[in-house]
Protein backbone atom coordinates (compact mmCIF):
# COMPACT_ATOMS: atom_id res chain seq x y z
CA MET A 1 11.95 1.59 -76.35
CA ALA A 2 12.99 4.24 -73.91
CA ASN A 3 9.31 4.91 -73.41
CA GLN A 4 8.65 1.31 -72.45
CA SER A 5 11.39 1.29 -69.84
CA GLU A 6 10.06 4.54 -68.35
CA ASP A 7 6.57 3.03 -68.23
CA CYS A 8 7.97 0.02 -66.43
CA LEU A 9 9.68 2.21 -63.88
CA VAL A 10 6.57 4.31 -63.29
CA GLY A 11 4.48 1.17 -62.92
CA SER A 12 6.91 -0.32 -60.46
CA ASP A 13 6.85 2.87 -58.38
CA GLN A 14 3.08 2.68 -58.13
CA ARG A 15 3.24 -0.97 -57.16
CA SER A 16 5.91 -0.31 -54.54
CA ASP A 17 3.63 2.29 -52.89
CA GLU A 18 0.88 -0.28 -52.39
CA PRO A 19 2.86 -2.46 -49.96
CA LEU A 20 3.88 0.65 -48.03
CA ASP A 21 0.24 1.72 -47.76
CA GLN A 22 -0.70 -1.79 -46.68
CA MET A 23 2.10 -1.85 -44.13
CA SER A 24 1.02 1.56 -42.84
CA ASP A 25 -2.56 0.31 -42.49
CA ARG A 26 -1.34 -2.80 -40.71
CA LEU A 27 0.77 -0.73 -38.32
CA LYS A 28 -2.22 1.49 -37.55
CA HIS A 29 -4.32 -1.60 -36.93
CA ILE A 30 -1.62 -3.08 -34.66
CA GLU A 31 -1.39 0.21 -32.75
CA SER A 32 -5.16 0.24 -32.32
CA VAL A 33 -5.22 -3.36 -31.09
CA SER A 34 -2.28 -2.62 -28.80
CA ASP A 35 -4.01 0.46 -27.35
CA ASN A 36 -7.19 -1.54 -26.77
CA TRP A 37 -5.20 -4.32 -25.11
CA PHE A 38 -3.42 -1.89 -22.79
CA GLN A 39 -6.72 -0.24 -21.86
CA PHE A 40 -8.24 -3.64 -21.15
CA THR A 41 -5.30 -4.80 -19.00
CA ASP A 42 -5.23 -1.45 -17.18
CA HIS A 43 -8.94 -1.79 -16.41
CA LEU A 44 -8.48 -5.37 -15.15
CA LEU A 45 -5.48 -4.37 -13.05
CA ASN A 46 -7.41 -1.50 -11.47
CA GLN A 47 -10.33 -3.79 -10.66
CA PHE A 48 -7.96 -6.34 -9.13
CA LEU A 49 -6.13 -3.75 -7.05
CA ASP A 50 -9.39 -2.21 -5.85
CA SER A 51 -10.65 -5.62 -4.79
CA LYS A 52 -7.46 -6.20 -2.80
CA PHE A 53 -7.02 -2.75 -1.23
CA ASP A 54 -10.57 -2.22 -0.01
CA PRO A 55 -10.44 -5.23 2.38
CA LEU A 56 -6.90 -4.23 3.36
CA ALA A 57 -8.04 -0.74 4.31
CA GLU A 58 -10.89 -2.22 6.37
CA SER A 59 -8.48 -4.59 8.11
CA LEU A 60 -6.09 -1.76 8.88
CA GLU A 61 -8.93 0.32 10.32
CA GLN A 62 -9.97 -2.59 12.54
CA ASN A 63 -6.35 -3.05 13.57
CA ASN A 64 -6.08 0.65 14.47
CA GLN A 65 -9.24 0.37 16.58
CA LEU A 66 -7.82 -2.69 18.36
CA LEU A 67 -4.54 -0.88 19.00
CA GLU A 68 -6.39 2.10 20.46
CA ALA A 69 -8.44 -0.22 22.68
CA LEU A 70 -5.25 -1.92 23.82
CA GLN A 71 -3.63 1.43 24.62
CA THR A 72 -6.70 2.44 26.63
CA LYS A 73 -6.63 -0.87 28.50
CA GLN A 74 -2.93 -0.51 29.26
CA CYS A 75 -3.47 3.05 30.48
CA THR A 76 -6.26 1.82 32.76
CA GLN A 77 -4.03 -0.97 34.05
CA LEU A 78 -1.30 1.55 34.74
CA LYS A 79 -3.72 3.72 36.72
CA GLU A 80 -4.87 0.65 38.67
CA ILE A 81 -1.27 -0.24 39.47
CA VAL A 82 -0.63 3.29 40.71
CA GLY A 83 -3.85 3.18 42.75
CA GLN A 84 -2.90 -0.16 44.28
CA PHE A 85 0.54 1.20 44.96
CA ASP A 86 -0.87 4.12 46.94
CA ASP A 87 -3.33 1.94 48.88
CA THR A 88 -1.02 -0.87 50.01
CA ILE A 89 2.33 0.70 50.90
CA THR A 90 2.81 1.11 54.64
CA THR A 91 6.51 1.18 55.33
CA GLU A 92 9.51 2.82 53.77
CA THR A 93 10.96 -0.55 52.71
CA ASP A 94 7.68 -1.54 51.11
CA LEU A 95 7.62 1.84 49.38
CA ILE A 96 11.09 1.31 47.91
CA ASN A 97 10.32 -2.24 46.78
CA ARG A 98 6.96 -1.23 45.32
CA SER A 99 8.59 1.73 43.58
CA LEU A 100 11.08 -0.54 41.87
CA ASP A 101 8.32 -2.94 40.83
CA LEU A 102 6.19 -0.09 39.58
CA LYS A 103 9.10 1.40 37.68
CA THR A 104 9.69 -1.94 35.98
CA ARG A 105 6.01 -2.30 35.12
CA VAL A 106 5.78 1.26 33.84
CA GLU A 107 8.87 0.79 31.68
CA SER A 108 7.44 -2.45 30.35
CA LEU A 109 4.05 -0.86 29.60
CA SER A 110 5.74 2.19 28.12
CA SER A 111 7.83 -0.05 25.89
CA GLN A 112 4.72 -1.94 24.82
CA LEU A 113 2.91 1.31 24.08
CA THR A 114 5.86 2.55 22.05
CA ASP A 115 5.95 -0.71 20.10
CA LYS A 116 2.19 -0.53 19.46
CA LYS A 117 2.41 3.11 18.36
CA SER A 118 5.33 2.28 16.07
CA HIS A 119 3.40 -0.65 14.62
CA LYS A 120 0.35 1.58 14.13
CA THR A 121 2.49 4.20 12.39
CA ASP A 122 4.03 1.53 10.14
CA LEU A 123 0.57 0.24 9.21
CA THR A 124 -0.69 3.75 8.55
CA ASN A 125 2.32 4.49 6.33
CA LYS A 126 1.84 1.23 4.46
CA THR A 127 -1.83 2.04 3.96
CA LYS A 128 -0.96 5.47 2.60
CA SER A 129 1.69 4.07 0.27
CA LEU A 130 -0.63 1.34 -0.99
CA THR A 131 -3.48 3.70 -1.68
CA LYS A 132 -1.32 6.12 -3.69
């Protein structure tokens, strides 16, 4: 009788190992599926981000070119203003009035250039942070 109870206990131990093995196999399968899912979503996310950042980089490059062209234009305008200033002033009063006008224009253009450079720097920094 003691033998029968020991046999029952041994048999139950073997049976209790089976569900653990099955659970272990299931966990390994779940981990594998999970890893595959994460790889798939990572791949999709990278494709999506690449498709969004490439046009953004092109747009930023075009914007930088436009800003440089604008800066060149403003520099040319400033030189023209100075040239006109030299050509048209004849009296001391005119010189003073023109100087004040020129100063205002130069400050305005300088402010615009500073704003454009700041904007360009911001865009460049954003591009760098987005591409990291």
